[in-house]
């Protein structure tokens, strides 16, 4: 059997971790886990998906007569687990400006209670997304097929959950929930993006939607669509300015075909149709039909 100098590697890794903790002004000896767990959140999201759609995303042996019992039990466990992760995020955020433990606990509890109360409305909006996918794809045979199989719907379930957490002051939890879907689907939606009802991403691989994007009702995107930033303003010291509106606004009933790139705080007017493989950095009027031919003489903006 080969022999590896594991003890030397352990000591070296210990030193590297301490270098990192010193550079980030963190304790060298944390008494417990400091950051939320990606694995714990993955399990929690699976439970929440089951509670939202018990007969389709819940356990395979679930019966209708047990549906409410399952939802109640699953939801209570999921919310308790989510509360524990929320406490971790808020505690971590307070490491440089300590807050009383009771205050952090109250803030976390209030946030998760609001999150829980938002779930019925979130389910209604997701129903509109599922219906939009069924109605928008001639290959779809049922709404159940759409919910069980379509990556765009999976991404939107995660986004609707993540966006609620983002609004409630838990951006790290929100980002983890969003990235779980990104890894599974290839669809990258920042949890800050505001997306109205009836949203459908067909196919979806390579879709990118930025943090400050605002999307109206009944909007449809195809694969490889980017709603991104044109430029990133910096402050006087050269640091990126965060939180500024920098992504597109998409009004109601817009269709954006595969490969389109829309950059900057531009508005796509209601009912516009954007062709594939176009590069847009200017406002598009309501009802316009923008194709590659219509842009062939237009200069491309910066990335």
Protein backbone atom coordinates (compact mmCIF):
# COMPACT_ATOMS: atom_id res chain seq x y z
CA UNK A 1 0.00 0.00 0.00
CA UNK A 2 1.29 3.45 -0.92
CA UNK A 3 2.19 5.82 1.89
CA UNK A 4 1.18 9.49 1.71
CA UNK A 5 2.55 12.21 3.98
CA UNK A 6 -0.94 13.16 5.10
CA UNK A 7 0.17 14.71 8.38
CA UNK A 8 2.43 17.17 6.53
CA UNK A 9 -0.41 18.10 4.18
CA UNK A 10 -2.79 18.57 7.12
CA UNK A 11 -0.32 20.97 8.77
CA UNK A 12 0.17 22.86 5.50
CA UNK A 13 -3.59 23.18 4.94
CA UNK A 14 -3.97 24.39 8.53
CA UNK A 15 -1.47 27.15 7.80
CA UNK A 16 -3.22 28.16 4.58
CA UNK A 17 -6.58 28.34 6.37
CA UNK A 18 -5.09 30.57 9.05
CA UNK A 19 -3.58 32.87 6.41
CA UNK A 20 -7.01 33.22 4.83
CA UNK A 21 -8.76 33.83 8.15
CA UNK A 22 -6.22 36.48 9.12
CA UNK A 23 -6.60 38.24 5.76
CA UNK A 24 -10.39 38.24 6.15
CA UNK A 25 -10.25 39.26 9.83
CA UNK A 26 -11.93 36.07 10.96
CA UNK A 27 -11.41 34.13 14.13
CA UNK A 28 -8.73 31.47 13.92
CA UNK A 29 -10.75 29.26 16.21
CA UNK A 30 -14.44 29.49 15.29
CA UNK A 31 -16.48 27.64 17.90
CA UNK A 32 -18.95 26.33 15.31
CA UNK A 33 -19.90 26.56 11.66
CA UNK A 34 -19.96 30.20 10.57
CA UNK A 35 -21.59 30.00 7.13
CA UNK A 36 -24.82 28.47 5.82
CA UNK A 37 -24.57 24.95 4.40
CA UNK A 38 -25.16 24.37 0.71
CA UNK A 39 -26.12 20.74 1.40
CA UNK A 40 -28.59 21.72 4.12
CA UNK A 41 -30.20 24.29 1.84
CA UNK A 42 -30.43 21.76 -0.99
CA UNK A 43 -32.39 19.41 1.28
CA UNK A 44 -34.58 22.28 2.48
CA UNK A 45 -35.40 23.39 -1.06
CA UNK A 46 -36.36 19.83 -2.01
CA UNK A 47 -38.72 19.76 0.97
CA UNK A 48 -40.21 23.14 0.03
CA UNK A 49 -40.77 21.95 -3.55
CA UNK A 50 -42.59 18.92 -2.17
CA UNK A 51 -44.72 21.11 0.09
CA UNK A 52 -45.60 23.40 -2.83
CA UNK A 53 -46.43 20.56 -5.25
CA UNK A 54 -47.01 17.52 -3.02
CA UNK A 55 -48.62 15.16 -5.52
CA UNK A 56 -46.02 15.82 -8.23
CA UNK A 57 -42.81 16.74 -6.42
CA UNK A 58 -43.53 15.03 -3.11
CA UNK A 59 -42.84 11.40 -2.16
CA UNK A 60 -43.85 8.74 -4.71
CA UNK A 61 -46.15 6.91 -2.27
CA UNK A 62 -48.11 9.99 -1.15
CA UNK A 63 -51.90 9.66 -1.30
CA UNK A 64 -54.44 12.47 -1.58
CA UNK A 65 -55.92 11.74 1.84
CA UNK A 66 -52.48 12.30 3.42
CA UNK A 67 -51.62 15.40 1.40
CA UNK A 68 -52.27 18.03 4.09
CA UNK A 69 -50.52 15.98 6.77
CA UNK A 70 -47.46 15.62 4.54
CA UNK A 71 -47.43 19.33 3.66
CA UNK A 72 -47.74 20.38 7.30
CA UNK A 73 -45.03 18.05 8.56
CA UNK A 74 -42.66 18.78 5.66
CA UNK A 75 -43.19 22.52 5.81
CA UNK A 76 -42.56 22.72 9.54
CA UNK A 77 -39.30 20.77 9.22
CA UNK A 78 -38.17 22.80 6.21
CA UNK A 79 -38.87 26.14 7.88
CA UNK A 80 -37.03 25.12 11.04
CA UNK A 81 -34.03 24.10 8.92
CA UNK A 82 -34.24 27.35 6.95
CA UNK A 83 -34.37 29.34 10.19
CA UNK A 84 -31.13 27.71 11.34
CA UNK A 85 -29.44 28.72 8.08
CA UNK A 86 -30.83 32.26 8.35
CA UNK A 87 -29.32 32.60 11.83
CA UNK A 88 -25.95 31.52 10.43
CA UNK A 89 -26.07 34.16 7.68
CA UNK A 90 -27.10 36.95 10.05
CA UNK A 91 -24.49 35.94 12.64
CA UNK A 92 -21.83 35.91 9.96
CA UNK A 93 -22.88 39.35 8.72
CA UNK A 94 -22.60 40.69 12.26
CA UNK A 95 -19.03 39.48 12.83
CA UNK A 96 -17.57 43.01 12.43
CA UNK A 97 -20.50 44.78 14.08
CA UNK A 98 -21.75 42.44 16.78
CA UNK A 99 -25.46 42.36 17.61
CA UNK A 100 -27.19 40.72 20.58
CA UNK A 101 -28.02 37.08 19.91
CA UNK A 102 -31.65 37.74 20.78
CA UNK A 103 -31.85 40.48 18.14
CA UNK A 104 -30.36 38.23 15.47
CA UNK A 105 -32.75 35.44 16.43
CA UNK A 106 -35.75 37.79 16.27
CA UNK A 107 -34.67 39.09 12.86
CA UNK A 108 -34.18 35.56 11.48
CA UNK A 109 -37.49 34.33 12.89
CA UNK A 110 -39.38 37.31 11.47
CA UNK A 111 -37.82 36.80 8.04
CA UNK A 112 -38.66 33.08 7.87
CA UNK A 113 -42.18 33.72 9.14
CA UNK A 114 -42.70 36.23 6.31
CA UNK A 115 -41.18 33.77 3.87
CA UNK A 116 -43.60 31.07 5.02
CA UNK A 117 -46.60 33.38 4.71
CA UNK A 118 -45.59 34.22 1.14
CA UNK A 119 -45.68 30.58 -0.02
CA UNK A 120 -49.38 30.44 -1.06
CA UNK A 121 -48.95 33.47 -3.33
CA UNK A 122 -45.68 32.05 -4.59
CA UNK A 123 -47.47 28.82 -5.53
CA UNK A 124 -50.07 30.83 -7.50
CA UNK A 125 -47.34 32.63 -9.46
CA UNK A 126 -45.58 29.33 -10.14
CA UNK A 127 -48.86 27.92 -11.47
CA UNK A 128 -48.88 30.79 -13.97
CA UNK A 129 -45.29 29.93 -14.97
CA UNK A 130 -46.20 26.27 -15.47
CA UNK A 131 -49.24 27.21 -17.54
CA UNK A 132 -47.14 29.62 -19.64
CA UNK A 133 -44.68 26.82 -20.36
CA UNK A 134 -47.45 24.42 -21.36
CA UNK A 135 -49.18 26.95 -23.59
CA UNK A 136 -45.92 28.21 -25.09
CA UNK A 137 -44.45 24.87 -26.17
CA UNK A 138 -46.27 22.77 -28.78
CA UNK A 139 -44.27 19.74 -27.65
CA UNK A 140 -45.69 19.88 -24.12
CA UNK A 141 -48.38 17.24 -23.59
CA UNK A 142 -49.52 18.28 -20.10
CA UNK A 143 -48.85 20.73 -17.30
CA UNK A 144 -47.59 17.77 -15.27
CA UNK A 145 -44.92 17.01 -17.88
CA UNK A 146 -43.87 20.66 -17.77
CA UNK A 147 -43.52 20.68 -14.00
CA UNK A 148 -41.67 17.37 -13.84
CA UNK A 149 -39.35 17.79 -16.83
CA UNK A 150 -38.74 21.38 -17.93
CA UNK A 151 -35.49 23.00 -16.73
CA UNK A 152 -36.99 26.47 -17.11
CA UNK A 153 -39.73 25.61 -14.63
CA UNK A 154 -37.23 24.13 -12.18
CA UNK A 155 -35.16 27.30 -12.44
CA UNK A 156 -38.23 29.43 -11.76
CA UNK A 157 -39.24 27.42 -8.68
CA UNK A 158 -35.79 28.09 -7.27
CA UNK A 159 -35.89 31.73 -8.36
CA UNK A 160 -39.28 32.41 -6.76
CA UNK A 161 -38.01 30.95 -3.48
CA UNK A 162 -34.66 32.73 -3.76
CA UNK A 163 -36.22 36.09 -4.59
CA UNK A 164 -38.34 35.96 -1.41
CA UNK A 165 -35.22 35.32 0.67
CA UNK A 166 -33.40 38.11 -1.15
CA UNK A 167 -36.18 40.59 -0.37
CA UNK A 168 -36.13 39.54 3.28
CA UNK A 169 -32.47 40.43 3.77
CA UNK A 170 -30.95 36.96 3.32
CA UNK A 171 -28.97 37.40 0.08
CA UNK A 172 -26.47 34.61 0.75
CA UNK A 173 -29.20 32.01 1.29
CA UNK A 174 -30.93 33.36 -1.81
CA UNK A 175 -27.78 33.08 -3.92
CA UNK A 176 -27.16 29.50 -2.82
CA UNK A 177 -30.74 28.51 -3.70
CA UNK A 178 -30.34 30.16 -7.11
CA UNK A 179 -26.99 28.50 -7.77
CA UNK A 180 -28.42 25.06 -6.99
CA UNK A 181 -30.74 25.50 -9.97
CA UNK A 182 -27.98 27.05 -12.08
CA UNK A 183 -25.87 23.95 -11.58
CA UNK A 184 -28.73 21.64 -12.57
CA UNK A 185 -30.12 23.59 -15.53
CA UNK A 186 -27.49 25.93 -16.93
CA UNK A 187 -29.92 28.81 -16.31
CA UNK A 188 -28.36 31.63 -14.30
CA UNK A 189 -30.91 33.95 -12.66
CA UNK A 190 -29.72 36.30 -9.95
CA UNK A 191 -32.14 36.19 -7.00
CA UNK A 192 -32.51 39.96 -7.10
CA UNK A 193 -34.14 39.92 -10.54
CA UNK A 194 -37.80 40.97 -10.47
CA UNK A 195 -39.87 38.62 -12.64
CA UNK A 196 -43.65 38.91 -12.94
CA UNK A 197 -46.17 36.12 -13.50
CA UNK A 198 -46.42 33.84 -16.52
CA UNK A 199 -42.68 33.68 -17.24
CA UNK A 200 -41.40 30.91 -19.52
CA UNK A 201 -37.83 29.95 -20.41
CA UNK A 202 -37.88 27.44 -23.28
CA UNK A 203 -34.90 25.04 -23.36
CA UNK A 204 -32.96 27.53 -21.27
CA UNK A 205 -29.31 26.47 -21.34
CA UNK A 206 -27.09 29.54 -21.20
CA UNK A 207 -29.76 32.03 -20.10
CA UNK A 208 -28.34 34.79 -17.87
CA UNK A 209 -30.56 37.30 -16.04
CA UNK A 210 -28.82 39.94 -13.94
CA UNK A 211 -29.56 41.21 -10.45
CA UNK A 212 -31.38 44.43 -11.36
CA UNK A 213 -33.34 43.10 -14.34
CA UNK A 214 -37.09 43.80 -14.25
CA UNK A 215 -39.32 41.50 -16.30
CA UNK A 216 -43.05 41.98 -16.85
CA UNK A 217 -45.93 39.56 -17.30
CA UNK A 218 -46.09 36.79 -19.91
CA UNK A 219 -42.50 37.14 -21.11
CA UNK A 220 -40.86 34.26 -22.99
CA UNK A 221 -37.12 33.63 -23.39
CA UNK A 222 -35.26 30.95 -25.29
CA UNK A 223 -31.80 29.48 -24.72
CA UNK A 224 -28.60 31.56 -24.61
CA UNK A 225 -30.38 34.85 -23.92
CA UNK A 226 -28.44 37.37 -21.82
CA UNK A 227 -30.05 40.22 -19.90
CA UNK A 228 -26.79 41.68 -18.70
CA UNK A 229 -24.94 44.86 -17.77
CA UNK A 230 -23.27 47.05 -20.38
CA UNK A 231 -20.75 48.60 -18.02
CA UNK A 232 -19.88 48.55 -14.32
CA UNK A 233 -19.44 52.00 -12.71
CA UNK A 234 -16.65 52.39 -10.17
CA UNK A 235 -16.10 54.80 -7.31
CA UNK A 236 -13.18 57.20 -6.93
CA UNK A 237 -10.97 54.37 -5.66
CA UNK A 238 -11.78 52.10 -8.58
CA UNK A 239 -14.07 49.76 -6.66
CA UNK A 240 -17.22 48.48 -8.35
CA UNK A 241 -20.38 50.26 -7.22
CA UNK A 242 -22.86 47.61 -6.19
CA UNK A 243 -26.66 47.70 -6.30
CA UNK A 244 -27.03 50.27 -9.09
CA UNK A 245 -29.70 49.54 -11.74
CA UNK A 246 -27.68 48.17 -14.65
CA UNK A 247 -29.76 45.43 -16.29
CA UNK A 248 -32.63 45.56 -18.80
CA UNK A 249 -36.30 46.27 -18.15
CA UNK A 250 -38.55 43.92 -20.13
CA UNK A 251 -42.19 44.96 -20.33
CA UNK A 252 -45.20 42.65 -20.69
CA UNK A 253 -45.67 40.11 -23.53
CA UNK A 254 -42.12 40.30 -24.90
CA UNK A 255 -40.53 37.33 -26.72
CA UNK A 256 -36.74 37.05 -26.89
CA UNK A 257 -35.36 34.34 -29.18
CA UNK A 258 -32.23 32.26 -28.77
CA UNK A 259 -28.88 33.96 -28.64
CA UNK A 260 -30.06 37.53 -28.08
CA UNK A 261 -27.88 39.74 -25.88
CA UNK A 262 -29.46 42.80 -24.26
CA UNK A 263 -27.09 44.93 -22.21
CA UNK A 264 -27.53 47.90 -19.91
CA UNK A 265 -30.52 49.64 -18.37
CA UNK A 266 -32.50 49.56 -21.61
CA UNK A 267 -36.25 49.01 -21.93
CA UNK A 268 -37.84 46.48 -24.27
CA UNK A 269 -41.32 47.86 -24.86
CA UNK A 270 -44.52 45.87 -24.41
CA UNK A 271 -45.08 43.23 -27.06
CA UNK A 272 -41.64 43.56 -28.65
CA UNK A 273 -40.18 40.54 -30.44
CA UNK A 274 -36.40 40.21 -30.35
CA UNK A 275 -34.79 37.93 -32.92
CA UNK A 276 -31.96 35.53 -32.22
CA UNK A 277 -28.28 36.52 -32.28
CA UNK A 278 -28.87 40.24 -31.89
CA UNK A 279 -26.94 42.62 -29.67
CA UNK A 280 -29.06 45.39 -28.17
CA UNK A 281 -27.85 48.32 -26.07
CA UNK A 282 -30.66 50.80 -26.83
CA UNK A 283 -34.36 50.99 -25.96
CA UNK A 284 -36.74 49.00 -28.15
CA UNK A 285 -40.21 50.52 -28.81
CA UNK A 286 -43.38 48.67 -27.89
CA UNK A 287 -44.40 46.17 -30.53
CA UNK A 288 -41.11 46.39 -32.45
CA UNK A 289 -39.74 43.36 -34.26
CA UNK A 290 -35.96 43.48 -33.95
CA UNK A 291 -33.91 41.09 -36.10
CA UNK A 292 -30.26 40.74 -37.06
CA UNK A 293 -31.01 42.45 -40.37
CA UNK A 294 -32.46 45.50 -38.64
CA UNK A 295 -29.29 45.86 -36.57
CA UNK A 296 -26.67 45.03 -39.19
CA UNK A 297 -25.43 48.61 -39.36
CA UNK A 298 -25.74 49.37 -35.66
CA UNK A 299 -22.51 49.49 -33.60
CA UNK A 300 -22.10 46.95 -30.82
CA UNK A 301 -21.86 48.19 -27.25
CA UNK A 302 -19.27 47.28 -24.69
CA UNK A 303 -19.55 44.16 -22.58
